[in-house]
Amino acid sequence: MMPAAPGPGVPRNDLPKGAEPPAAPPRPRYRWYHMLGAAALIAVCTAMGLFLLVFPWSTFWEANTYVLEVPAIQDYWSSPYLRLAVSGLGLVNLFFALVDLVRFRRFFEP
């Protein structure tokens, strides 16, 4: 049986007597190209996500010349499950763009 974890008021005993805990590492210094790369990634993920979310439900989806040439895959191509899967990938891209947008704050924190 393991002993219970000490409460918040109990001092730590893993440091030598008189030693201070290690200092936090310095924050990284971001330059302009870091911000530009992050902004470009957010823009690309947003554009790709919106495209993948909307395109499968448009009329251009069924007017694909490759699908019209191979009749064996027309049933799969027009399936709502495939369209939903592609739209799901669009939602994933939009989620990544949102996460990167939230993380974009790191460039402006002191």
N, C-alpha and C. Protein backbone atom coordinates (compact mmCIF):
# COMPACT_ATOMS: atom_id res chain seq x y z
N MET A 1 0.85 -1.17 0.00
CA MET A 1 0.00 0.00 0.00
C MET A 1 0.89 1.23 0.00
N MET A 2 0.59 2.17 -0.90
CA MET A 2 1.37 3.40 -1.04
C MET A 2 0.90 4.43 -0.01
N PRO A 3 1.84 5.20 0.53
CA PRO A 3 1.42 6.26 1.44
C PRO A 3 0.70 7.37 0.67
N ALA A 4 -0.13 8.10 1.37
CA ALA A 4 -0.89 9.18 0.76
C ALA A 4 0.06 10.31 0.37
N ALA A 5 -0.30 11.02 -0.68
CA ALA A 5 0.52 12.15 -1.12
C ALA A 5 0.42 13.28 -0.10
N PRO A 6 1.53 13.99 0.15
CA PRO A 6 1.47 15.09 1.12
C PRO A 6 0.59 16.22 0.60
N GLY A 7 -0.01 16.95 1.51
CA GLY A 7 -0.89 18.06 1.17
C GLY A 7 -0.09 19.26 0.68
N PRO A 8 -0.77 20.32 0.31
CA PRO A 8 -0.08 21.50 -0.24
C PRO A 8 0.77 22.23 0.79
N GLY A 9 0.48 22.07 2.09
CA GLY A 9 1.25 22.78 3.11
C GLY A 9 2.52 22.06 3.54
N VAL A 10 2.73 20.83 3.09
CA VAL A 10 3.89 20.04 3.49
C VAL A 10 5.08 20.43 2.63
N PRO A 11 6.23 20.74 3.27
CA PRO A 11 7.40 21.14 2.48
C PRO A 11 7.95 19.97 1.67
N ARG A 12 8.61 20.30 0.56
CA ARG A 12 9.22 19.29 -0.29
C ARG A 12 10.54 18.85 0.32
N ASN A 13 10.79 17.55 0.26
CA ASN A 13 12.03 17.01 0.82
C ASN A 13 12.97 16.51 -0.25
N ASP A 14 12.66 16.73 -1.51
CA ASP A 14 13.52 16.19 -2.56
C ASP A 14 14.68 17.11 -2.92
N LEU A 15 14.73 18.34 -2.37
CA LEU A 15 15.84 19.26 -2.62
C LEU A 15 16.78 19.25 -1.42
N PRO A 16 18.07 19.41 -1.66
CA PRO A 16 19.00 19.50 -0.53
C PRO A 16 18.68 20.73 0.32
N LYS A 17 19.08 20.66 1.57
CA LYS A 17 18.79 21.76 2.49
C LYS A 17 19.50 23.03 2.02
N GLY A 18 18.75 24.11 1.95
CA GLY A 18 19.30 25.39 1.54
C GLY A 18 19.30 25.62 0.04
N ALA A 19 18.96 24.60 -0.73
CA ALA A 19 18.95 24.76 -2.19
C ALA A 19 17.60 25.31 -2.64
N GLU A 20 17.67 26.12 -3.67
CA GLU A 20 16.44 26.68 -4.23
C GLU A 20 16.02 25.85 -5.45
N PRO A 21 14.72 25.83 -5.73
CA PRO A 21 14.29 25.09 -6.94
C PRO A 21 14.87 25.74 -8.19
N PRO A 22 15.09 24.95 -9.23
CA PRO A 22 15.68 25.51 -10.46
C PRO A 22 14.78 26.58 -11.07
N ALA A 23 15.42 27.57 -11.67
CA ALA A 23 14.68 28.67 -12.29
C ALA A 23 14.05 28.19 -13.60
N ALA A 24 12.98 28.83 -13.97
CA ALA A 24 12.30 28.48 -15.22
C ALA A 24 13.20 28.87 -16.40
N PRO A 25 13.17 28.07 -17.47
CA PRO A 25 13.99 28.42 -18.64
C PRO A 25 13.49 29.71 -19.27
N PRO A 26 14.37 30.46 -19.92
CA PRO A 26 13.93 31.71 -20.54
C PRO A 26 12.96 31.44 -21.69
N ARG A 27 12.06 32.39 -21.89
CA ARG A 27 11.09 32.26 -22.99
C ARG A 27 11.81 32.39 -24.32
N PRO A 28 11.38 31.63 -25.32
CA PRO A 28 12.01 31.76 -26.64
C PRO A 28 11.70 33.13 -27.24
N ARG A 29 12.62 33.61 -28.04
CA ARG A 29 12.43 34.90 -28.69
C ARG A 29 11.94 34.66 -30.10
N TYR A 30 10.73 35.12 -30.37
CA TYR A 30 10.13 34.91 -31.69
C TYR A 30 10.48 36.07 -32.60
N ARG A 31 10.73 35.76 -33.83
CA ARG A 31 11.03 36.77 -34.84
C ARG A 31 9.87 36.88 -35.81
N TRP A 32 9.99 37.79 -36.77
CA TRP A 32 8.90 38.08 -37.69
C TRP A 32 8.53 36.88 -38.55
N TYR A 33 9.52 36.05 -38.91
CA TYR A 33 9.23 34.92 -39.77
C TYR A 33 8.50 33.81 -39.02
N HIS A 34 8.64 33.77 -37.70
CA HIS A 34 7.84 32.83 -36.92
C HIS A 34 6.35 33.22 -36.99
N MET A 35 6.09 34.52 -36.84
CA MET A 35 4.71 35.00 -36.91
C MET A 35 4.14 34.81 -38.32
N LEU A 36 4.95 35.09 -39.33
CA LEU A 36 4.48 34.94 -40.71
C LEU A 36 4.17 33.48 -41.02
N GLY A 37 5.01 32.58 -40.57
CA GLY A 37 4.76 31.15 -40.78
C GLY A 37 3.50 30.67 -40.08
N ALA A 38 3.29 31.14 -38.85
CA ALA A 38 2.08 30.76 -38.12
C ALA A 38 0.84 31.33 -38.79
N ALA A 39 0.90 32.57 -39.24
CA ALA A 39 -0.25 33.18 -39.92
C ALA A 39 -0.54 32.46 -41.24
N ALA A 40 0.50 32.08 -41.97
CA ALA A 40 0.30 31.35 -43.23
C ALA A 40 -0.31 29.97 -42.96
N LEU A 41 0.13 29.31 -41.91
CA LEU A 41 -0.44 28.00 -41.57
C LEU A 41 -1.91 28.13 -41.20
N ILE A 42 -2.26 29.16 -40.45
CA ILE A 42 -3.66 29.38 -40.09
C ILE A 42 -4.49 29.65 -41.33
N ALA A 43 -3.97 30.46 -42.26
CA ALA A 43 -4.71 30.78 -43.48
C ALA A 43 -4.90 29.54 -44.35
N VAL A 44 -3.86 28.73 -44.50
CA VAL A 44 -3.95 27.54 -45.34
C VAL A 44 -4.90 26.52 -44.73
N CYS A 45 -4.80 26.29 -43.43
CA CYS A 45 -5.71 25.33 -42.78
C CYS A 45 -7.15 25.80 -42.85
N THR A 46 -7.39 27.10 -42.70
CA THR A 46 -8.75 27.61 -42.80
C THR A 46 -9.29 27.46 -44.21
N ALA A 47 -8.51 27.83 -45.22
CA ALA A 47 -8.96 27.72 -46.60
C ALA A 47 -9.21 26.27 -46.99
N MET A 48 -8.29 25.39 -46.64
CA MET A 48 -8.45 23.98 -46.98
C MET A 48 -9.64 23.38 -46.24
N GLY A 49 -9.81 23.75 -44.98
CA GLY A 49 -10.94 23.24 -44.20
C GLY A 49 -12.27 23.68 -44.77
N LEU A 50 -12.38 24.95 -45.14
CA LEU A 50 -13.63 25.43 -45.72
C LEU A 50 -13.90 24.76 -47.07
N PHE A 51 -12.86 24.59 -47.87
CA PHE A 51 -13.02 23.92 -49.16
C PHE A 51 -13.50 22.49 -48.98
N LEU A 52 -12.84 21.74 -48.09
CA LEU A 52 -13.21 20.34 -47.88
C LEU A 52 -14.58 20.20 -47.21
N LEU A 53 -14.99 21.20 -46.49
CA LEU A 53 -16.29 21.15 -45.85
C LEU A 53 -17.41 21.40 -46.84
N VAL A 54 -17.21 22.30 -47.79
CA VAL A 54 -18.28 22.72 -48.70
C VAL A 54 -18.27 21.96 -50.03
N PHE A 55 -17.10 21.69 -50.57
CA PHE A 55 -17.00 21.14 -51.93
C PHE A 55 -17.74 19.82 -52.15
N PRO A 56 -17.70 18.87 -51.24
CA PRO A 56 -18.41 17.61 -51.52
C PRO A 56 -19.92 17.77 -51.71
N TRP A 57 -20.49 18.83 -51.23
CA TRP A 57 -21.93 19.02 -51.33
C TRP A 57 -22.30 19.95 -52.48
N SER A 58 -21.33 20.37 -53.28
CA SER A 58 -21.61 21.26 -54.41
C SER A 58 -21.87 20.43 -55.67
N THR A 59 -22.29 21.12 -56.73
CA THR A 59 -22.56 20.42 -57.99
C THR A 59 -21.27 20.03 -58.72
N PHE A 60 -20.16 20.65 -58.38
CA PHE A 60 -18.88 20.32 -59.01
C PHE A 60 -18.38 18.94 -58.60
N TRP A 61 -18.84 18.44 -57.47
CA TRP A 61 -18.39 17.14 -56.97
C TRP A 61 -18.76 16.02 -57.94
N GLU A 62 -19.97 16.07 -58.48
CA GLU A 62 -20.41 15.00 -59.37
C GLU A 62 -19.95 15.21 -60.80
N ALA A 63 -19.49 16.39 -61.16
CA ALA A 63 -19.04 16.68 -62.52
C ALA A 63 -17.55 16.42 -62.67
N ASN A 64 -17.02 15.48 -61.96
CA ASN A 64 -15.60 15.14 -62.00
C ASN A 64 -15.34 14.25 -63.22
N THR A 65 -14.40 14.66 -64.07
CA THR A 65 -14.14 13.91 -65.31
C THR A 65 -13.55 12.53 -65.03
N TYR A 66 -12.76 12.39 -63.98
CA TYR A 66 -12.17 11.09 -63.67
C TYR A 66 -13.24 10.09 -63.26
N VAL A 67 -14.22 10.56 -62.51
CA VAL A 67 -15.29 9.67 -62.08
C VAL A 67 -16.20 9.31 -63.25
N LEU A 68 -16.41 10.25 -64.15
CA LEU A 68 -17.26 9.97 -65.31
C LEU A 68 -16.62 8.96 -66.25
N GLU A 69 -15.29 8.88 -66.28
CA GLU A 69 -14.60 7.93 -67.16
C GLU A 69 -14.58 6.52 -66.60
N VAL A 70 -14.66 6.38 -65.27
CA VAL A 70 -14.62 5.06 -64.64
C VAL A 70 -15.97 4.83 -63.97
N PRO A 71 -16.87 4.13 -64.63
CA PRO A 71 -18.21 3.97 -64.07
C PRO A 71 -18.24 3.09 -62.82
N ALA A 72 -17.21 2.32 -62.57
CA ALA A 72 -17.22 1.43 -61.41
C ALA A 72 -17.17 2.20 -60.09
N ILE A 73 -16.60 3.38 -60.11
CA ILE A 73 -16.48 4.12 -58.84
C ILE A 73 -17.54 5.21 -58.68
N GLN A 74 -18.48 5.30 -59.63
CA GLN A 74 -19.50 6.34 -59.54
C GLN A 74 -20.40 6.15 -58.32
N ASP A 75 -20.70 4.90 -57.98
CA ASP A 75 -21.54 4.65 -56.81
C ASP A 75 -20.84 5.08 -55.53
N TYR A 76 -19.55 4.80 -55.45
CA TYR A 76 -18.80 5.21 -54.26
C TYR A 76 -18.65 6.72 -54.19
N TRP A 77 -18.42 7.33 -55.35
CA TRP A 77 -18.18 8.78 -55.40
C TRP A 77 -19.42 9.57 -55.00
N SER A 78 -20.58 9.06 -55.39
CA SER A 78 -21.81 9.78 -55.07
C SER A 78 -22.39 9.39 -53.71
N SER A 79 -21.71 8.53 -52.99
CA SER A 79 -22.18 8.09 -51.68
C SER A 79 -22.11 9.24 -50.66
N PRO A 80 -23.16 9.41 -49.88
CA PRO A 80 -23.10 10.47 -48.85
C PRO A 80 -22.08 10.17 -47.76
N TYR A 81 -21.72 8.92 -47.59
CA TYR A 81 -20.72 8.58 -46.58
C TYR A 81 -19.33 9.11 -46.96
N LEU A 82 -18.99 9.01 -48.25
CA LEU A 82 -17.71 9.56 -48.70
C LEU A 82 -17.72 11.08 -48.58
N ARG A 83 -18.84 11.69 -48.95
CA ARG A 83 -18.95 13.14 -48.82
C ARG A 83 -18.83 13.57 -47.37
N LEU A 84 -19.45 12.82 -46.49
CA LEU A 84 -19.37 13.14 -45.07
C LEU A 84 -17.95 12.97 -44.54
N ALA A 85 -17.24 11.96 -45.03
CA ALA A 85 -15.85 11.74 -44.60
C ALA A 85 -14.96 12.90 -45.05
N VAL A 86 -15.15 13.36 -46.28
CA VAL A 86 -14.35 14.48 -46.77
C VAL A 86 -14.70 15.75 -46.00
N SER A 87 -15.99 15.94 -45.71
CA SER A 87 -16.38 17.10 -44.91
C SER A 87 -15.82 17.00 -43.49
N GLY A 88 -15.71 15.79 -42.98
CA GLY A 88 -15.09 15.60 -41.67
C GLY A 88 -13.63 16.00 -41.66
N LEU A 89 -12.93 15.71 -42.75
CA LEU A 89 -11.54 16.17 -42.86
C LEU A 89 -11.48 17.69 -42.88
N GLY A 90 -12.47 18.32 -43.50
CA GLY A 90 -12.54 19.77 -43.48
C GLY A 90 -12.73 20.31 -42.06
N LEU A 91 -13.58 19.63 -41.29
CA LEU A 91 -13.76 20.05 -39.89
C LEU A 91 -12.48 19.89 -39.08
N VAL A 92 -11.75 18.82 -39.36
CA VAL A 92 -10.47 18.62 -38.66
C VAL A 92 -9.50 19.75 -39.00
N ASN A 93 -9.44 20.14 -40.27
CA ASN A 93 -8.57 21.25 -40.67
C ASN A 93 -9.01 22.56 -40.01
N LEU A 94 -10.30 22.79 -39.92
CA LEU A 94 -10.77 24.00 -39.25
C LEU A 94 -10.45 23.97 -37.76
N PHE A 95 -10.50 22.79 -37.16
CA PHE A 95 -10.12 22.67 -35.74
C PHE A 95 -8.64 22.99 -35.56
N PHE A 96 -7.79 22.47 -36.45
CA PHE A 96 -6.36 22.78 -36.36
C PHE A 96 -6.10 24.27 -36.54
N ALA A 97 -6.83 24.90 -37.44
CA ALA A 97 -6.68 26.34 -37.63
C ALA A 97 -7.09 27.10 -36.38
N LEU A 98 -8.16 26.65 -35.72
CA LEU A 98 -8.61 27.30 -34.49
C LEU A 98 -7.59 27.12 -33.37
N VAL A 99 -7.03 25.94 -33.26
CA VAL A 99 -6.00 25.70 -32.23
C VAL A 99 -4.78 26.57 -32.49
N ASP A 100 -4.35 26.65 -33.74
CA ASP A 100 -3.20 27.50 -34.06
C ASP A 100 -3.52 28.98 -33.85
N LEU A 101 -4.76 29.35 -34.08
CA LEU A 101 -5.15 30.74 -33.84
C LEU A 101 -5.09 31.07 -32.35
N VAL A 102 -5.49 30.14 -31.51
CA VAL A 102 -5.38 30.34 -30.06
C VAL A 102 -3.92 30.38 -29.64
N ARG A 103 -3.10 29.52 -30.23
CA ARG A 103 -1.67 29.50 -29.90
C ARG A 103 -0.93 30.71 -30.46
N PHE A 104 -1.55 31.44 -31.38
CA PHE A 104 -0.92 32.61 -31.98
C PHE A 104 -0.67 33.71 -30.94
N ARG A 105 -1.37 33.63 -29.81
CA ARG A 105 -1.19 34.62 -28.74
C ARG A 105 0.24 34.61 -28.18
N ARG A 106 0.93 33.50 -28.32
CA ARG A 106 2.26 33.38 -27.72
C ARG A 106 3.23 34.42 -28.28
N PHE A 107 2.95 34.94 -29.47
CA PHE A 107 3.84 35.94 -30.05
C PHE A 107 3.68 37.30 -29.40
N PHE A 108 2.57 37.51 -28.72
CA PHE A 108 2.31 38.83 -28.17
C PHE A 108 2.35 38.87 -26.64
N GLU A 109 2.66 37.75 -26.01
CA GLU A 109 2.77 37.74 -24.54
C GLU A 109 4.13 38.31 -24.14
N PRO A 110 4.16 39.02 -23.02
CA PRO A 110 5.44 39.61 -22.59
C PRO A 110 6.43 38.58 -22.10
